[in-house]
Amino acid sequence: MLPPAAERPVRIFCQDESRFGLLPIQRRRLTLTGVKPVGAVQYGFENFYVYGAVEPTTGESFFLELPYLNALNFQIFLNEFSHSYQETLNIVLMDNGSCHKANSLVIPANVVCLFFPPYSPELNPIERLWQDVKEQLAWVVTAAIEELEHRVEMIITQYAKTAIRSLTSYPYFVHAVNAVCS
C-alpha cells in the first residue's frame, strides 16, 4: 500500500509534446557567398507525437510515443507516467494546451498539474530538449515513418541524465524548486 500523498516525496517535472514527421526539418546552412544552400526535401505528411516529461533538477525523464495530440492520448500518457512514478507525488508543469485541460481527463492521484502562463514556451525547460532532438534530425530524409520513429527513439534513449539536466536545468527553475523543497 502506498503512503498518503502528504507523506510521499515530491518530484517536479516539466511536460510537453513534440511532433515528428516525414517532412524534413530545415535549418540554416553555411555556404560560400553567392552559393545557394542545397538540402534534401521530401513531401510526406505522416507524423507522430512524442509526449515527454523531464525533471530538470535530476535529469530523470519519461517519454511515450503516441499517434495523435489529443485528450485521449494525453490521458494514456498521464496514466503511464503515474504508474512509472507511483511512489512519489509528481508535480507536472505544462503548457495550456486544450488536451491538457480537457474535461474528460482523469488526473491520477499522484499527479498534480500546474500550468505555465499562456503563450510562454520559453519558460518550459523541456522545449530545449525538443530543440536539441530536432537539431539532430535536421535535413534527415526517411523513407518511412517507422524509420523516423526508430531514429527519434535512438536519439532520445541516448541522452544521459546529465545531458538532460544540462539542457533543461534553467537557473530560475532550479532556484524555485530548491526554494520550495527546502
N, C-alpha and C. Protein backbone atom coordinates (compact mmCIF):
# COMPACT_ATOMS: atom_id res chain seq x y z
N MET A 1 0.84 -1.18 0.00
CA MET A 1 0.00 0.00 0.00
C MET A 1 0.89 1.25 0.00
N LEU A 2 0.51 2.22 -0.80
CA LEU A 2 1.28 3.45 -0.92
C LEU A 2 0.98 4.39 0.24
N PRO A 3 1.98 5.17 0.67
CA PRO A 3 1.72 6.16 1.72
C PRO A 3 0.81 7.26 1.20
N PRO A 4 0.11 7.96 2.10
CA PRO A 4 -0.73 9.08 1.65
C PRO A 4 0.10 10.13 0.93
N ALA A 5 -0.56 10.93 0.09
CA ALA A 5 0.14 11.93 -0.72
C ALA A 5 0.99 12.87 0.12
N ALA A 6 0.52 13.22 1.31
CA ALA A 6 1.26 14.16 2.16
C ALA A 6 2.59 13.59 2.64
N GLU A 7 2.74 12.27 2.65
CA GLU A 7 3.95 11.64 3.15
C GLU A 7 4.90 11.18 2.04
N ARG A 8 4.50 11.33 0.81
CA ARG A 8 5.34 10.91 -0.32
C ARG A 8 6.38 11.97 -0.65
N PRO A 9 7.53 11.54 -1.16
CA PRO A 9 8.49 12.52 -1.68
C PRO A 9 7.88 13.25 -2.88
N VAL A 10 8.25 14.51 -3.06
CA VAL A 10 7.72 15.33 -4.15
C VAL A 10 8.76 15.45 -5.25
N ARG A 11 8.31 15.27 -6.48
CA ARG A 11 9.16 15.46 -7.65
C ARG A 11 8.49 16.47 -8.56
N ILE A 12 9.30 17.29 -9.24
CA ILE A 12 8.74 18.32 -10.11
C ILE A 12 9.24 18.09 -11.53
N PHE A 13 8.29 17.84 -12.43
CA PHE A 13 8.58 17.55 -13.83
C PHE A 13 8.04 18.67 -14.72
N CYS A 14 8.63 18.80 -15.90
CA CYS A 14 8.11 19.68 -16.95
C CYS A 14 7.67 18.78 -18.10
N GLN A 15 6.50 19.03 -18.64
CA GLN A 15 5.92 18.15 -19.65
C GLN A 15 5.62 18.93 -20.92
N ASP A 16 5.74 18.26 -22.05
CA ASP A 16 5.36 18.83 -23.34
C ASP A 16 5.33 17.71 -24.36
N GLU A 17 4.78 18.03 -25.52
CA GLU A 17 4.75 17.09 -26.64
C GLU A 17 5.47 17.73 -27.82
N SER A 18 5.96 16.87 -28.71
CA SER A 18 6.59 17.36 -29.93
C SER A 18 6.19 16.47 -31.09
N ARG A 19 5.92 17.11 -32.23
CA ARG A 19 5.51 16.37 -33.44
C ARG A 19 6.73 16.08 -34.29
N PHE A 20 6.80 14.87 -34.81
CA PHE A 20 7.86 14.46 -35.73
C PHE A 20 7.18 13.87 -36.96
N GLY A 21 7.65 14.27 -38.15
CA GLY A 21 7.01 13.79 -39.36
C GLY A 21 7.99 13.62 -40.50
N LEU A 22 7.47 13.11 -41.60
CA LEU A 22 8.31 12.83 -42.77
C LEU A 22 8.79 14.08 -43.49
N LEU A 23 8.11 15.20 -43.31
CA LEU A 23 8.57 16.44 -43.91
C LEU A 23 9.85 16.86 -43.18
N PRO A 24 10.99 16.94 -43.86
CA PRO A 24 12.27 17.19 -43.18
C PRO A 24 12.31 18.52 -42.43
N ILE A 25 13.04 18.52 -41.34
CA ILE A 25 13.26 19.73 -40.55
C ILE A 25 14.37 20.50 -41.25
N GLN A 26 14.10 21.74 -41.60
CA GLN A 26 15.09 22.55 -42.31
C GLN A 26 15.76 23.51 -41.35
N ARG A 27 17.04 23.66 -41.49
CA ARG A 27 17.83 24.60 -40.69
C ARG A 27 18.73 25.39 -41.63
N ARG A 28 19.34 26.42 -41.11
CA ARG A 28 20.28 27.21 -41.91
C ARG A 28 21.49 26.36 -42.27
N ARG A 29 22.08 26.70 -43.40
CA ARG A 29 23.30 26.03 -43.84
C ARG A 29 24.31 27.11 -44.23
N LEU A 30 25.56 26.86 -43.88
CA LEU A 30 26.62 27.78 -44.25
C LEU A 30 27.15 27.42 -45.63
N THR A 31 27.26 28.44 -46.46
CA THR A 31 27.83 28.24 -47.80
C THR A 31 28.70 29.45 -48.12
N LEU A 32 29.42 29.36 -49.18
CA LEU A 32 30.20 30.49 -49.66
C LEU A 32 29.26 31.58 -50.14
N THR A 33 29.72 32.79 -50.14
CA THR A 33 28.93 33.91 -50.63
C THR A 33 28.50 33.65 -52.07
N GLY A 34 27.23 33.82 -52.33
CA GLY A 34 26.71 33.62 -53.68
C GLY A 34 26.32 32.19 -54.00
N VAL A 35 26.60 31.25 -53.11
CA VAL A 35 26.24 29.85 -53.35
C VAL A 35 24.97 29.54 -52.57
N LYS A 36 23.97 29.08 -53.27
CA LYS A 36 22.70 28.74 -52.61
C LYS A 36 22.84 27.40 -51.90
N PRO A 37 22.33 27.33 -50.67
CA PRO A 37 22.40 26.05 -49.95
C PRO A 37 21.48 25.02 -50.57
N VAL A 38 21.90 23.76 -50.53
CA VAL A 38 21.11 22.67 -51.08
C VAL A 38 20.79 21.71 -49.95
N GLY A 39 19.55 21.28 -49.88
CA GLY A 39 19.15 20.31 -48.87
C GLY A 39 18.11 19.37 -49.45
N ALA A 40 18.14 18.14 -49.01
CA ALA A 40 17.18 17.15 -49.48
C ALA A 40 15.79 17.47 -48.93
N VAL A 41 14.79 17.29 -49.75
CA VAL A 41 13.41 17.56 -49.36
C VAL A 41 12.54 16.42 -49.85
N GLN A 42 11.56 16.10 -49.05
CA GLN A 42 10.54 15.15 -49.50
C GLN A 42 9.21 15.65 -48.95
N TYR A 43 8.14 15.29 -49.61
CA TYR A 43 6.84 15.75 -49.17
C TYR A 43 6.03 14.57 -48.67
N GLY A 44 6.26 14.24 -47.41
CA GLY A 44 5.49 13.20 -46.74
C GLY A 44 4.82 13.83 -45.55
N PHE A 45 3.58 13.50 -45.32
CA PHE A 45 2.84 14.19 -44.28
C PHE A 45 2.43 13.29 -43.13
N GLU A 46 2.98 12.07 -43.06
CA GLU A 46 2.72 11.21 -41.91
C GLU A 46 3.51 11.77 -40.73
N ASN A 47 2.93 11.65 -39.54
CA ASN A 47 3.63 12.12 -38.36
C ASN A 47 3.19 11.37 -37.12
N PHE A 48 3.89 11.63 -36.03
CA PHE A 48 3.56 11.06 -34.72
C PHE A 48 4.02 12.06 -33.67
N TYR A 49 3.61 11.83 -32.46
CA TYR A 49 3.97 12.73 -31.36
C TYR A 49 4.74 11.97 -30.30
N VAL A 50 5.69 12.66 -29.70
CA VAL A 50 6.39 12.13 -28.53
C VAL A 50 5.97 13.00 -27.35
N TYR A 51 5.34 12.37 -26.39
CA TYR A 51 4.97 13.04 -25.14
C TYR A 51 6.14 12.83 -24.19
N GLY A 52 6.55 13.89 -23.50
CA GLY A 52 7.70 13.75 -22.62
C GLY A 52 7.54 14.54 -21.34
N ALA A 53 8.22 14.07 -20.31
CA ALA A 53 8.31 14.78 -19.03
C ALA A 53 9.74 14.64 -18.54
N VAL A 54 10.33 15.74 -18.12
CA VAL A 54 11.69 15.71 -17.58
C VAL A 54 11.70 16.38 -16.22
N GLU A 55 12.59 15.89 -15.37
CA GLU A 55 12.83 16.51 -14.07
C GLU A 55 14.15 17.26 -14.18
N PRO A 56 14.11 18.58 -14.40
CA PRO A 56 15.33 19.34 -14.66
C PRO A 56 16.39 19.27 -13.57
N THR A 57 16.00 19.05 -12.34
CA THR A 57 16.98 19.04 -11.26
C THR A 57 17.78 17.74 -11.20
N THR A 58 17.24 16.65 -11.78
CA THR A 58 17.95 15.36 -11.74
C THR A 58 18.27 14.80 -13.12
N GLY A 59 17.55 15.24 -14.15
CA GLY A 59 17.72 14.67 -15.48
C GLY A 59 16.87 13.44 -15.71
N GLU A 60 16.04 13.08 -14.75
CA GLU A 60 15.12 11.95 -14.91
C GLU A 60 14.13 12.30 -16.01
N SER A 61 13.74 11.31 -16.82
CA SER A 61 12.84 11.59 -17.93
C SER A 61 11.89 10.42 -18.19
N PHE A 62 10.79 10.75 -18.83
CA PHE A 62 9.79 9.75 -19.23
C PHE A 62 9.24 10.19 -20.58
N PHE A 63 9.26 9.28 -21.56
CA PHE A 63 8.78 9.59 -22.90
C PHE A 63 7.84 8.50 -23.37
N LEU A 64 6.86 8.91 -24.17
CA LEU A 64 5.91 7.96 -24.74
C LEU A 64 5.52 8.44 -26.13
N GLU A 65 5.66 7.56 -27.11
CA GLU A 65 5.28 7.90 -28.48
C GLU A 65 3.82 7.51 -28.69
N LEU A 66 3.05 8.45 -29.23
CA LEU A 66 1.63 8.22 -29.49
C LEU A 66 1.28 8.83 -30.84
N PRO A 67 0.21 8.35 -31.49
CA PRO A 67 -0.07 8.79 -32.86
C PRO A 67 -0.66 10.19 -33.00
N TYR A 68 -1.35 10.69 -31.96
CA TYR A 68 -2.04 11.97 -32.09
C TYR A 68 -1.82 12.83 -30.86
N LEU A 69 -2.08 14.11 -31.00
CA LEU A 69 -2.08 15.03 -29.88
C LEU A 69 -3.53 15.33 -29.55
N ASN A 70 -4.05 14.63 -28.56
CA ASN A 70 -5.43 14.85 -28.15
C ASN A 70 -5.59 14.42 -26.69
N ALA A 71 -6.77 14.64 -26.14
CA ALA A 71 -7.01 14.35 -24.73
C ALA A 71 -6.91 12.85 -24.43
N LEU A 72 -7.36 12.03 -25.35
CA LEU A 72 -7.30 10.57 -25.14
C LEU A 72 -5.85 10.10 -25.00
N ASN A 73 -5.00 10.55 -25.89
CA ASN A 73 -3.59 10.16 -25.82
C ASN A 73 -2.88 10.81 -24.63
N PHE A 74 -3.28 12.03 -24.28
CA PHE A 74 -2.69 12.65 -23.09
C PHE A 74 -3.09 11.87 -21.83
N GLN A 75 -4.29 11.35 -21.82
CA GLN A 75 -4.72 10.52 -20.68
C GLN A 75 -3.87 9.26 -20.59
N ILE A 76 -3.58 8.65 -21.73
CA ILE A 76 -2.70 7.47 -21.76
C ILE A 76 -1.33 7.84 -21.21
N PHE A 77 -0.80 8.98 -21.65
CA PHE A 77 0.50 9.44 -21.15
C PHE A 77 0.47 9.63 -19.64
N LEU A 78 -0.55 10.34 -19.14
CA LEU A 78 -0.66 10.57 -17.70
C LEU A 78 -0.72 9.27 -16.91
N ASN A 79 -1.50 8.32 -17.40
CA ASN A 79 -1.63 7.04 -16.71
C ASN A 79 -0.30 6.29 -16.66
N GLU A 80 0.41 6.25 -17.77
CA GLU A 80 1.70 5.56 -17.83
C GLU A 80 2.74 6.29 -16.96
N PHE A 81 2.75 7.60 -17.03
CA PHE A 81 3.66 8.40 -16.22
C PHE A 81 3.38 8.16 -14.74
N SER A 82 2.13 8.21 -14.37
CA SER A 82 1.73 7.99 -12.97
C SER A 82 2.16 6.62 -12.48
N HIS A 83 2.00 5.63 -13.32
CA HIS A 83 2.39 4.27 -12.96
C HIS A 83 3.91 4.15 -12.79
N SER A 84 4.67 4.83 -13.63
CA SER A 84 6.13 4.77 -13.56
C SER A 84 6.70 5.46 -12.32
N TYR A 85 5.98 6.45 -11.81
CA TYR A 85 6.44 7.21 -10.64
C TYR A 85 5.40 7.14 -9.52
N GLN A 86 4.90 5.93 -9.26
CA GLN A 86 3.81 5.79 -8.30
C GLN A 86 4.23 5.98 -6.85
N GLU A 87 5.50 5.92 -6.55
CA GLU A 87 5.97 6.08 -5.17
C GLU A 87 6.09 7.54 -4.74
N THR A 88 5.95 8.48 -5.69
CA THR A 88 6.14 9.89 -5.38
C THR A 88 4.91 10.70 -5.76
N LEU A 89 4.81 11.90 -5.18
CA LEU A 89 3.82 12.87 -5.61
C LEU A 89 4.50 13.70 -6.69
N ASN A 90 3.92 13.73 -7.88
CA ASN A 90 4.57 14.33 -9.05
C ASN A 90 3.85 15.61 -9.47
N ILE A 91 4.55 16.72 -9.32
CA ILE A 91 4.03 17.99 -9.80
C ILE A 91 4.49 18.11 -11.25
N VAL A 92 3.55 18.29 -12.16
CA VAL A 92 3.87 18.34 -13.59
C VAL A 92 3.48 19.72 -14.12
N LEU A 93 4.51 20.46 -14.56
CA LEU A 93 4.28 21.77 -15.17
C LEU A 93 4.13 21.59 -16.66
N MET A 94 3.11 22.23 -17.24
CA MET A 94 2.83 22.05 -18.67
C MET A 94 2.22 23.31 -19.25
N ASP A 95 2.13 23.33 -20.58
CA ASP A 95 1.51 24.48 -21.23
C ASP A 95 -0.01 24.37 -21.14
N ASN A 96 -0.69 25.34 -21.71
CA ASN A 96 -2.15 25.42 -21.61
C ASN A 96 -2.86 24.77 -22.79
N GLY A 97 -2.28 23.73 -23.37
CA GLY A 97 -2.90 23.05 -24.50
C GLY A 97 -4.29 22.54 -24.14
N SER A 98 -5.17 22.55 -25.12
CA SER A 98 -6.56 22.13 -24.86
C SER A 98 -6.63 20.69 -24.37
N CYS A 99 -5.73 19.83 -24.84
CA CYS A 99 -5.77 18.44 -24.38
C CYS A 99 -5.34 18.32 -22.93
N HIS A 100 -4.61 19.30 -22.40
CA HIS A 100 -4.17 19.29 -21.01
C HIS A 100 -5.28 19.72 -20.05
N LYS A 101 -6.28 20.37 -20.60
CA LYS A 101 -7.37 20.90 -19.76
C LYS A 101 -8.72 20.31 -20.12
N ALA A 102 -8.72 19.22 -20.87
CA ALA A 102 -9.99 18.62 -21.30
C ALA A 102 -10.80 18.14 -20.09
N ASN A 103 -12.10 18.32 -20.18
CA ASN A 103 -13.00 17.88 -19.10
C ASN A 103 -12.98 16.38 -18.91
N SER A 104 -12.64 15.65 -19.95
CA SER A 104 -12.66 14.18 -19.88
C SER A 104 -11.44 13.60 -19.15
N LEU A 105 -10.43 14.42 -18.87
CA LEU A 105 -9.22 13.92 -18.21
C LEU A 105 -9.51 13.50 -16.77
N VAL A 106 -8.91 12.38 -16.40
CA VAL A 106 -8.93 11.92 -15.02
C VAL A 106 -7.48 11.96 -14.55
N ILE A 107 -7.17 12.94 -13.72
CA ILE A 107 -5.80 13.13 -13.26
C ILE A 107 -5.51 12.10 -12.17
N PRO A 108 -4.46 11.28 -12.34
CA PRO A 108 -4.12 10.29 -11.32
C PRO A 108 -3.84 10.95 -9.96
N ALA A 109 -4.05 10.18 -8.90
CA ALA A 109 -3.93 10.71 -7.54
C ALA A 109 -2.52 11.19 -7.21
N ASN A 110 -1.50 10.63 -7.85
CA ASN A 110 -0.12 11.04 -7.53
C ASN A 110 0.43 12.07 -8.51
N VAL A 111 -0.45 12.72 -9.27
CA VAL A 111 -0.04 13.75 -10.23
C VAL A 111 -0.80 15.04 -9.93
N VAL A 112 -0.06 16.14 -9.88
CA VAL A 112 -0.66 17.47 -9.72
C VAL A 112 -0.25 18.27 -10.95
N CYS A 113 -1.21 18.78 -11.70
CA CYS A 113 -0.92 19.54 -12.91
C CYS A 113 -0.91 21.03 -12.60
N LEU A 114 0.16 21.70 -12.97
CA LEU A 114 0.27 23.15 -12.88
C LEU A 114 0.61 23.66 -14.28
N PHE A 115 0.18 24.88 -14.56
CA PHE A 115 0.32 25.39 -15.92
C PHE A 115 1.22 26.61 -15.99
N PHE A 116 2.06 26.62 -17.02
CA PHE A 116 2.86 27.80 -17.32
C PHE A 116 1.91 28.90 -17.80
N PRO A 117 2.33 30.16 -17.74
CA PRO A 117 1.48 31.23 -18.29
C PRO A 117 1.22 30.97 -19.78
N PRO A 118 0.07 31.41 -20.28
CA PRO A 118 -0.24 31.20 -21.71
C PRO A 118 0.82 31.81 -22.63
N TYR A 119 1.06 31.15 -23.72
CA TYR A 119 1.96 31.63 -24.78
C TYR A 119 3.36 31.92 -24.28
N SER A 120 3.91 31.01 -23.49
CA SER A 120 5.27 31.22 -22.97
C SER A 120 6.10 29.94 -23.04
N PRO A 121 6.31 29.40 -24.25
CA PRO A 121 7.09 28.17 -24.35
C PRO A 121 8.53 28.33 -23.89
N GLU A 122 9.04 29.57 -23.89
CA GLU A 122 10.41 29.80 -23.45
C GLU A 122 10.61 29.50 -21.97
N LEU A 123 9.54 29.40 -21.21
CA LEU A 123 9.64 29.07 -19.79
C LEU A 123 9.74 27.57 -19.53
N ASN A 124 9.30 26.76 -20.49
CA ASN A 124 9.26 25.32 -20.30
C ASN A 124 10.61 24.68 -20.65
N PRO A 125 11.32 24.15 -19.65
CA PRO A 125 12.66 23.60 -19.90
C PRO A 125 12.71 22.47 -20.92
N ILE A 126 11.66 21.67 -21.06
CA ILE A 126 11.72 20.55 -22.00
C ILE A 126 11.79 21.03 -23.45
N GLU A 127 11.40 22.28 -23.69
CA GLU A 127 11.48 22.81 -25.06
C GLU A 127 12.92 22.77 -25.59
N ARG A 128 13.90 22.96 -24.71
CA ARG A 128 15.31 22.90 -25.16
C ARG A 128 15.69 21.48 -25.55
N LEU A 129 15.12 20.50 -24.89
CA LEU A 129 15.39 19.11 -25.27
C LEU A 129 14.80 18.83 -26.65
N TRP A 130 13.56 19.27 -26.87
CA TRP A 130 12.95 19.06 -28.20
C TRP A 130 13.79 19.76 -29.27
N GLN A 131 14.27 20.95 -28.98
CA GLN A 131 15.11 21.68 -29.94
C GLN A 131 16.37 20.90 -30.26
N ASP A 132 16.99 20.30 -29.26
CA ASP A 132 18.21 19.52 -29.47
C ASP A 132 17.92 18.27 -30.30
N VAL A 133 16.81 17.60 -30.01
CA VAL A 133 16.43 16.40 -30.78
C VAL A 133 16.22 16.79 -32.24
N LYS A 134 15.50 17.86 -32.47
CA LYS A 134 15.21 18.27 -33.85
C LYS A 134 16.45 18.77 -34.57
N GLU A 135 17.39 19.32 -33.83
CA GLU A 135 18.65 19.73 -34.44
C GLU A 135 19.38 18.50 -35.00
N GLN A 136 19.31 17.40 -34.28
CA GLN A 136 19.95 16.16 -34.74
C GLN A 136 19.22 15.55 -35.93
N LEU A 137 17.96 15.92 -36.12
CA LEU A 137 17.17 15.40 -37.24
C LEU A 137 17.11 16.35 -38.43
N ALA A 138 17.77 17.51 -38.32
CA ALA A 138 17.72 18.49 -39.40
C ALA A 138 18.25 17.91 -40.70
N TRP A 139 17.50 18.11 -41.76
CA TRP A 139 17.83 17.69 -43.11
C TRP A 139 17.85 16.17 -43.28
N VAL A 140 17.35 15.42 -42.30
CA VAL A 140 17.28 13.96 -42.42
C VAL A 140 16.02 13.59 -43.20
N VAL A 141 16.21 12.78 -44.23
CA VAL A 141 15.09 12.31 -45.03
C VAL A 141 14.95 10.81 -44.78
N THR A 142 13.75 10.40 -44.36
CA THR A 142 13.50 8.99 -44.12
C THR A 142 12.43 8.49 -45.08
N ALA A 143 12.56 7.24 -45.47
CA ALA A 143 11.64 6.67 -46.46
C ALA A 143 10.28 6.33 -45.85
N ALA A 144 10.27 5.94 -44.59
CA ALA A 144 9.03 5.51 -43.95
C ALA A 144 8.94 6.07 -42.54
N ILE A 145 7.74 6.23 -42.06
CA ILE A 145 7.53 6.79 -40.71
C ILE A 145 8.15 5.89 -39.65
N GLU A 146 8.18 4.58 -39.88
CA GLU A 146 8.78 3.65 -38.91
C GLU A 146 10.28 3.92 -38.75
N GLU A 147 10.94 4.27 -39.84
CA GLU A 147 12.37 4.60 -39.77
C GLU A 147 12.59 5.86 -38.94
N LEU A 148 11.72 6.86 -39.13
CA LEU A 148 11.83 8.08 -38.34
C LEU A 148 11.53 7.80 -36.87
N GLU A 149 10.54 6.98 -36.59
CA GLU A 149 10.23 6.61 -35.20
C GLU A 149 11.45 5.98 -34.54
N HIS A 150 12.12 5.10 -35.27
CA HIS A 150 13.32 4.43 -34.74
C HIS A 150 14.43 5.45 -34.48
N ARG A 151 14.64 6.38 -35.43
CA ARG A 151 15.68 7.41 -35.25
C ARG A 151 15.41 8.27 -34.01
N VAL A 152 14.16 8.70 -33.86
CA VAL A 152 13.80 9.53 -32.71
C VAL A 152 14.00 8.76 -31.41
N GLU A 153 13.59 7.50 -31.41
CA GLU A 153 13.78 6.66 -30.22
C GLU A 153 15.26 6.53 -29.88
N MET A 154 16.10 6.31 -30.89
CA MET A 154 17.54 6.17 -30.65
C MET A 154 18.14 7.47 -30.08
N ILE A 155 17.72 8.61 -30.62
CA ILE A 155 18.23 9.89 -30.13
C ILE A 155 17.83 10.09 -28.68
N ILE A 156 16.56 9.87 -28.37
CA ILE A 156 16.06 10.12 -27.01
C ILE A 156 16.69 9.16 -26.01
N THR A 157 16.83 7.90 -26.36
CA THR A 157 17.38 6.93 -25.41
C THR A 157 18.88 7.12 -25.19
N GLN A 158 19.55 7.83 -26.08
CA GLN A 158 20.99 8.05 -25.92
C GLN A 158 21.32 9.21 -24.97
N TYR A 159 20.31 9.98 -24.58
CA TYR A 159 20.56 11.07 -23.63
C TYR A 159 20.81 10.49 -22.24
N ALA A 160 21.94 10.87 -21.65
CA ALA A 160 22.21 10.52 -20.26
C ALA A 160 21.46 11.52 -19.38
N LYS A 161 21.27 11.16 -18.13
CA LYS A 161 20.59 12.08 -17.20
C LYS A 161 21.35 13.39 -17.08
N THR A 162 22.68 13.32 -17.13
CA THR A 162 23.47 14.55 -17.03
C THR A 162 23.23 15.46 -18.23
N ALA A 163 23.05 14.89 -19.41
CA ALA A 163 22.79 15.69 -20.61
C ALA A 163 21.41 16.34 -20.53
N ILE A 164 20.42 15.58 -20.08
CA ILE A 164 19.07 16.13 -19.93
C ILE A 164 19.08 17.23 -18.88
N ARG A 165 19.76 17.00 -17.77
CA ARG A 165 19.84 18.03 -16.73
C ARG A 165 20.53 19.28 -17.28
N SER A 166 21.59 19.10 -18.05
CA SER A 166 22.32 20.23 -18.62
C SER A 166 21.43 21.05 -19.57
N LEU A 167 20.63 20.36 -20.37
CA LEU A 167 19.75 21.05 -21.32
C LEU A 167 18.57 21.74 -20.64
N THR A 168 18.04 21.16 -19.58
CA THR A 168 16.76 21.61 -19.04
C THR A 168 16.84 22.34 -17.70
N SER A 169 17.98 22.40 -17.07
CA SER A 169 18.04 22.99 -15.73
C SER A 169 18.21 24.50 -15.80
N TYR A 170 17.15 25.18 -16.21
CA TYR A 170 17.15 26.64 -16.22
C TYR A 170 17.42 27.14 -14.80
N PRO A 171 18.27 28.13 -14.63
CA PRO A 171 18.57 28.61 -13.27
C PRO A 171 17.31 29.04 -12.50
N TYR A 172 16.37 29.74 -13.17
CA TYR A 172 15.17 30.17 -12.45
C TYR A 172 14.39 28.97 -11.93
N PHE A 173 14.37 27.91 -12.72
CA PHE A 173 13.60 26.72 -12.35
C PHE A 173 14.26 26.00 -11.17
N VAL A 174 15.56 25.80 -11.26
CA VAL A 174 16.30 25.11 -10.19
C VAL A 174 16.19 25.89 -8.88
N HIS A 175 16.34 27.21 -8.94
CA HIS A 175 16.22 28.02 -7.72
C HIS A 175 14.83 27.91 -7.13
N ALA A 176 13.81 27.93 -7.97
CA ALA A 176 12.43 27.83 -7.49
C ALA A 176 12.19 26.47 -6.84
N VAL A 177 12.66 25.40 -7.47
CA VAL A 177 12.49 24.06 -6.91
C VAL A 177 13.22 23.94 -5.59
N ASN A 178 14.44 24.42 -5.54
CA ASN A 178 15.22 24.36 -4.29
C ASN A 178 14.55 25.17 -3.18
N ALA A 179 13.96 26.30 -3.52
CA ALA A 179 13.29 27.13 -2.52
C ALA A 179 12.05 26.43 -1.97
N VAL A 180 11.31 25.77 -2.84
CA VAL A 180 10.08 25.09 -2.44
C VAL A 180 10.40 23.83 -1.64
N CYS A 181 11.41 23.11 -2.06
CA CYS A 181 11.71 21.80 -1.43
C CYS A 181 12.63 21.93 -0.21
N SER A 182 13.09 23.12 0.12
CA SER A 182 13.96 23.29 1.29
C SER A 182 13.17 23.32 2.58
